[in-house]
Amino acid sequence: ELDFRAAAYQGFHAPGLNNTIRSYGSGTSYSQANPYLTPEDMTGYEAGTDYRWKTGFVQITAYNANVTNAVATAKMTQAQVNTYCSPICTYSATTSGPTIYSNDQSLQSRGLEFQSHFDLSSKWAADAGYTLTKTVLTWVGGAVSPTLNPTGMQLGGVPRNMANGGITYYPQPNTSITATLRYIGNSWQDTQHLSPVPAYAVVGARVNHQITPEASVFLSAVNLLNRNYLTFNSSSQYIAGQPQTITVGGRIIF
């Protein structure tokens, strides 16, 4: 019923074509590609435990990952503007100005994940999960402003706390009705923590009927109560969360 597990891993992420060859824009709203970018490197490790019994399970995992040579955008200096994109782009001392991709960031992400499932009876089941994440910059190079990108502070767009829960009812063996709750904790648009993104929770629902082992039909609803909430977009803009969305569909496995 009980096991312990651990893993260590290493990987990389190559810069995309957008980062290396696609320059676009004009004036101060200009993005300069950089063909000399190197891959981002990631090393990490995790450890966890699982406890299973006849009617459910609980899983807990702790992890740590470090990324070096992270691809980031940095405001170009006057000399860089003259070298790369003048007269298409123009330097500005008062606005964000043209940007260029660089490998001038390193970051660390560590956290704890919890997941569980419980068969309460032959007709009822419950699920619950929670994630605690701390993601911070550990180093910035000369091309990246340490004022706009301070080290040791939660990265913009990464909530520290996320949770989910659900309960499922089986009126008959081939039919299930599920209600879910998804919670996203407070976060920030930016790493300076000047633009907060409030926490929010949304309710969802799903009805599924298994016609045959290979075919099923379903009805699902996202944001069932049509709550208005904000999500991360960029350091200067917010974006509205997904409104009430209802989907009817079918699935065939062959």
Protein backbone atom coordinates (compact mmCIF):
# COMPACT_ATOMS: atom_id res chain seq x y z
CA GLU A 1 0.00 0.00 0.00
CA LEU A 2 2.91 2.38 0.60
CA ASP A 3 5.82 3.28 -1.65
CA PHE A 4 8.53 5.91 -1.83
CA ARG A 5 10.01 7.27 -5.05
CA ALA A 6 12.70 9.69 -6.21
CA ALA A 7 14.02 10.93 -9.53
CA ALA A 8 16.70 13.22 -10.93
CA TYR A 9 16.64 14.61 -14.43
CA GLN A 10 18.26 16.99 -16.87
CA GLY A 11 16.88 18.57 -20.02
CA PHE A 12 17.10 21.51 -22.37
CA HIS A 13 14.82 23.76 -24.38
CA ALA A 14 16.12 25.14 -27.66
CA PRO A 15 15.20 28.72 -28.62
CA GLY A 16 12.32 28.93 -31.08
CA LEU A 17 12.44 30.43 -34.55
CA ASN A 18 10.58 33.46 -33.18
CA ASN A 19 13.50 34.06 -30.80
CA THR A 20 16.29 33.55 -33.33
CA ILE A 21 15.16 34.83 -36.75
CA ARG A 22 11.88 36.79 -36.52
CA SER A 23 12.33 40.49 -35.82
CA TYR A 24 9.20 42.62 -36.07
CA GLY A 25 7.64 45.94 -35.08
CA SER A 26 8.58 49.57 -35.50
CA GLY A 27 9.50 52.59 -33.40
CA THR A 28 9.77 51.76 -29.70
CA SER A 29 7.48 48.70 -30.09
CA TYR A 30 10.08 46.51 -31.71
CA SER A 31 11.32 42.98 -30.94
CA GLN A 32 14.77 41.97 -32.16
CA ALA A 33 15.63 38.31 -32.78
CA ASN A 34 18.99 36.95 -31.67
CA PRO A 35 20.59 34.15 -33.76
CA TYR A 36 23.26 33.62 -31.07
CA LEU A 37 20.89 32.36 -28.39
CA THR A 38 21.88 29.12 -26.67
CA PRO A 39 19.51 26.45 -25.30
CA GLU A 40 18.01 26.79 -21.85
CA ASP A 41 19.33 24.08 -19.51
CA MET A 42 17.28 22.51 -16.71
CA THR A 43 18.30 20.16 -13.93
CA GLY A 44 15.95 18.94 -11.26
CA TYR A 45 15.03 16.30 -8.75
CA GLU A 46 11.92 15.20 -6.90
CA ALA A 47 10.86 12.81 -4.15
CA GLY A 48 7.47 11.57 -3.10
CA THR A 49 5.32 8.91 -1.56
CA ASP A 50 2.10 7.14 -2.50
CA TYR A 51 -0.34 5.44 -0.17
CA ARG A 52 -3.02 3.30 -1.80
CA TRP A 53 -5.86 1.29 -0.36
CA LYS A 54 -8.83 -0.50 -1.81
CA THR A 55 -10.99 2.60 -2.21
CA GLY A 56 -8.52 5.41 -2.87
CA PHE A 57 -5.02 6.84 -2.86
CA VAL A 58 -2.97 9.81 -1.65
CA GLN A 59 0.14 11.07 -3.46
CA ILE A 60 2.62 13.71 -2.24
CA THR A 61 5.58 14.94 -4.29
CA ALA A 62 8.21 17.59 -3.55
CA TYR A 63 10.32 18.93 -6.41
CA ASN A 64 13.13 21.34 -7.22
CA ALA A 65 14.20 22.51 -10.67
CA ASN A 66 16.86 24.99 -11.78
CA VAL A 67 16.98 26.65 -15.21
CA THR A 68 20.07 28.42 -16.53
CA ASN A 69 20.49 30.44 -19.73
CA ALA A 70 16.76 31.18 -19.71
CA VAL A 71 15.62 33.10 -22.79
CA ALA A 72 14.31 36.54 -21.79
CA THR A 73 13.57 39.88 -23.41
CA ALA A 74 15.59 42.92 -22.40
CA LYS A 75 15.35 46.57 -23.36
CA MET A 76 17.94 47.48 -25.98
CA THR A 77 20.55 50.12 -25.30
CA GLN A 78 21.17 53.01 -27.68
CA ALA A 79 24.24 51.18 -29.04
CA GLN A 80 22.21 48.01 -29.68
CA VAL A 81 19.51 50.02 -31.48
CA ASN A 82 22.17 51.56 -33.73
CA THR A 83 23.67 48.11 -34.43
CA TYR A 84 20.56 45.98 -34.96
CA CYS A 85 17.55 47.92 -36.14
CA SER A 86 18.05 51.65 -36.73
CA PRO A 87 16.20 53.42 -38.37
CA ILE A 88 13.29 50.94 -38.17
CA CYS A 89 13.35 51.08 -34.38
CA THR A 90 14.15 53.99 -32.09
CA TYR A 91 15.64 54.11 -28.62
CA SER A 92 13.59 55.62 -25.80
CA ALA A 93 14.84 56.55 -22.35
CA THR A 94 11.35 57.03 -20.90
CA THR A 95 9.36 54.04 -22.27
CA SER A 96 10.04 50.34 -22.48
CA GLY A 97 11.59 50.75 -25.93
CA PRO A 98 12.75 48.06 -28.38
CA THR A 99 13.66 44.70 -26.87
CA ILE A 100 16.10 41.94 -27.77
CA TYR A 101 16.15 38.27 -26.75
CA SER A 102 19.03 37.15 -24.52
CA ASN A 103 20.12 34.26 -22.27
CA ASP A 104 20.52 36.58 -19.29
CA GLN A 105 18.34 34.87 -16.68
CA SER A 106 18.47 31.89 -14.34
CA LEU A 107 15.60 30.75 -12.17
CA GLN A 108 14.57 28.16 -9.62
CA SER A 109 11.19 26.50 -9.18
CA ARG A 110 10.42 24.37 -6.15
CA GLY A 111 7.21 23.19 -4.62
CA LEU A 112 4.91 20.54 -3.23
CA GLU A 113 2.13 18.66 -5.01
CA PHE A 114 -0.72 16.73 -3.40
CA GLN A 115 -3.29 14.55 -5.15
CA SER A 116 -5.95 12.21 -3.75
CA HIS A 117 -8.96 10.10 -4.73
CA PHE A 118 -11.61 8.53 -2.53
CA ASP A 119 -14.36 6.05 -3.46
CA LEU A 120 -16.91 6.99 -0.80
CA SER A 121 -19.43 4.33 -1.86
CA SER A 122 -20.53 2.46 -4.95
CA LYS A 123 -22.21 5.67 -6.19
CA TRP A 124 -20.01 8.49 -4.85
CA ALA A 125 -16.34 9.42 -5.33
CA ALA A 126 -14.26 12.49 -4.45
CA ASP A 127 -10.98 14.00 -5.69
CA ALA A 128 -8.79 16.73 -4.24
CA GLY A 129 -5.47 18.31 -5.18
CA TYR A 130 -3.17 21.13 -4.09
CA THR A 131 0.04 22.68 -5.46
CA LEU A 132 2.42 25.05 -3.66
CA THR A 133 4.96 26.63 -6.00
CA LYS A 134 7.80 29.06 -5.38
CA THR A 135 9.43 30.24 -8.62
CA VAL A 136 12.07 32.98 -8.45
CA LEU A 137 14.87 34.47 -10.48
CA THR A 138 18.26 33.55 -9.06
CA TRP A 139 20.43 35.58 -11.46
CA VAL A 140 20.04 38.26 -14.14
CA GLY A 141 22.74 39.34 -16.57
CA GLY A 142 23.73 42.79 -17.70
CA ALA A 143 21.07 42.95 -20.42
CA VAL A 144 18.22 42.47 -17.92
CA SER A 145 17.20 45.19 -15.48
CA PRO A 146 17.52 43.96 -11.85
CA THR A 147 14.99 46.64 -10.86
CA LEU A 148 12.28 45.29 -13.16
CA ASN A 149 13.34 41.68 -12.58
CA PRO A 150 14.42 41.37 -8.92
CA THR A 151 15.84 38.05 -7.74
CA GLY A 152 14.21 36.08 -4.93
CA MET A 153 10.64 37.28 -5.63
CA GLN A 154 7.83 35.14 -7.03
CA LEU A 155 7.91 35.32 -10.82
CA GLY A 156 5.12 37.26 -12.50
CA GLY A 157 2.30 35.04 -13.76
CA VAL A 158 3.05 32.15 -11.38
CA PRO A 159 0.51 31.71 -8.52
CA ARG A 160 1.94 30.27 -5.31
CA ASN A 161 -1.20 28.35 -4.39
CA MET A 162 -3.53 26.32 -6.60
CA ALA A 163 -6.16 23.79 -5.52
CA ASN A 164 -8.90 21.70 -7.03
CA GLY A 165 -11.65 19.45 -5.79
CA GLY A 166 -14.43 17.40 -7.26
CA ILE A 167 -17.24 15.05 -6.35
CA THR A 168 -18.76 12.47 -8.68
CA TYR A 169 -22.12 10.70 -8.51
CA TYR A 170 -22.88 7.50 -10.45
CA PRO A 171 -26.66 7.13 -10.90
CA GLN A 172 -25.86 3.99 -12.84
CA PRO A 173 -22.56 2.21 -13.60
CA ASN A 174 -22.18 3.75 -17.09
CA THR A 175 -23.21 7.31 -16.18
CA SER A 176 -21.38 9.88 -14.03
CA ILE A 177 -22.20 13.41 -12.89
CA THR A 178 -19.24 15.47 -11.65
CA ALA A 179 -19.01 18.89 -10.01
CA THR A 180 -15.58 20.55 -9.68
CA LEU A 181 -14.07 23.57 -7.97
CA ARG A 182 -10.80 25.13 -9.16
CA TYR A 183 -8.98 27.71 -7.02
CA ILE A 184 -6.08 29.92 -8.18
CA GLY A 185 -4.43 31.98 -5.45
CA ASN A 186 -3.11 35.53 -5.55
CA SER A 187 -0.37 36.27 -8.06
CA TRP A 188 1.22 39.23 -9.84
CA GLN A 189 1.52 40.42 -13.40
CA ASP A 190 5.15 41.38 -12.83
CA THR A 191 8.12 40.19 -10.78
CA GLN A 192 8.28 43.59 -9.03
CA HIS A 193 4.82 42.80 -7.56
CA LEU A 194 3.36 46.14 -8.60
CA SER A 195 0.34 44.73 -10.47
CA PRO A 196 -1.56 42.12 -8.42
CA VAL A 197 -3.87 39.47 -9.90
CA PRO A 198 -6.60 38.63 -7.33
CA ALA A 199 -7.36 35.05 -6.39
CA TYR A 200 -10.40 33.41 -7.94
CA ALA A 201 -12.37 30.17 -7.87
CA VAL A 202 -14.59 28.73 -10.60
CA VAL A 203 -17.13 25.91 -10.59
CA GLY A 204 -17.38 23.34 -13.36
CA ALA A 205 -19.64 20.37 -14.12
CA ARG A 206 -19.67 17.34 -16.40
CA VAL A 207 -22.12 14.57 -17.29
CA ASN A 208 -20.68 11.50 -19.04
CA HIS A 209 -22.46 8.43 -20.36
CA GLN A 210 -20.56 5.39 -21.60
CA ILE A 211 -22.66 3.89 -24.41
CA THR A 212 -20.20 1.09 -25.18
CA PRO A 213 -16.62 0.44 -24.01
CA GLU A 214 -15.48 2.38 -27.10
CA ALA A 215 -18.09 5.17 -27.30
CA SER A 216 -19.31 7.85 -24.91
CA VAL A 217 -21.22 11.14 -24.96
CA PHE A 218 -20.77 14.06 -22.58
CA LEU A 219 -22.02 17.47 -21.52
CA SER A 220 -19.54 19.78 -19.78
CA ALA A 221 -19.61 23.30 -18.36
CA VAL A 222 -16.62 25.53 -17.55
CA ASN A 223 -17.21 28.45 -15.16
CA LEU A 224 -20.74 27.21 -14.56
CA LEU A 225 -21.72 30.27 -12.48
CA ASN A 226 -20.28 32.67 -15.11
CA ARG A 227 -17.99 34.41 -12.64
CA ASN A 228 -15.98 37.44 -13.80
CA TYR A 229 -12.29 37.18 -12.93
CA LEU A 230 -8.87 38.33 -14.14
CA THR A 231 -5.96 36.23 -15.30
CA PHE A 232 -2.33 37.00 -16.11
CA ASN A 233 -1.55 38.50 -19.52
CA SER A 234 1.46 40.83 -19.40
CA SER A 235 2.99 43.45 -17.14
CA SER A 236 0.79 46.16 -18.65
CA GLN A 237 -2.49 44.38 -19.43
CA TYR A 238 -5.04 42.16 -17.71
CA ILE A 239 -7.24 39.67 -19.54
CA ALA A 240 -10.70 38.46 -18.53
CA GLY A 241 -11.02 34.81 -17.54
CA GLN A 242 -12.96 32.28 -19.59
CA PRO A 243 -16.70 32.99 -19.37
CA GLN A 244 -19.37 30.33 -18.93
CA THR A 245 -18.74 27.73 -21.64
CA ILE A 246 -20.92 24.69 -22.31
CA THR A 247 -19.81 21.85 -24.58
CA VAL A 248 -21.70 18.84 -25.90
CA GLY A 249 -19.65 16.10 -27.50
CA GLY A 250 -18.93 12.46 -28.13
CA ARG A 251 -15.87 10.24 -28.09
CA ILE A 252 -15.12 7.07 -30.02
CA ILE A 253 -11.99 4.96 -29.47
CA PHE A 254 -10.99 2.67 -32.33
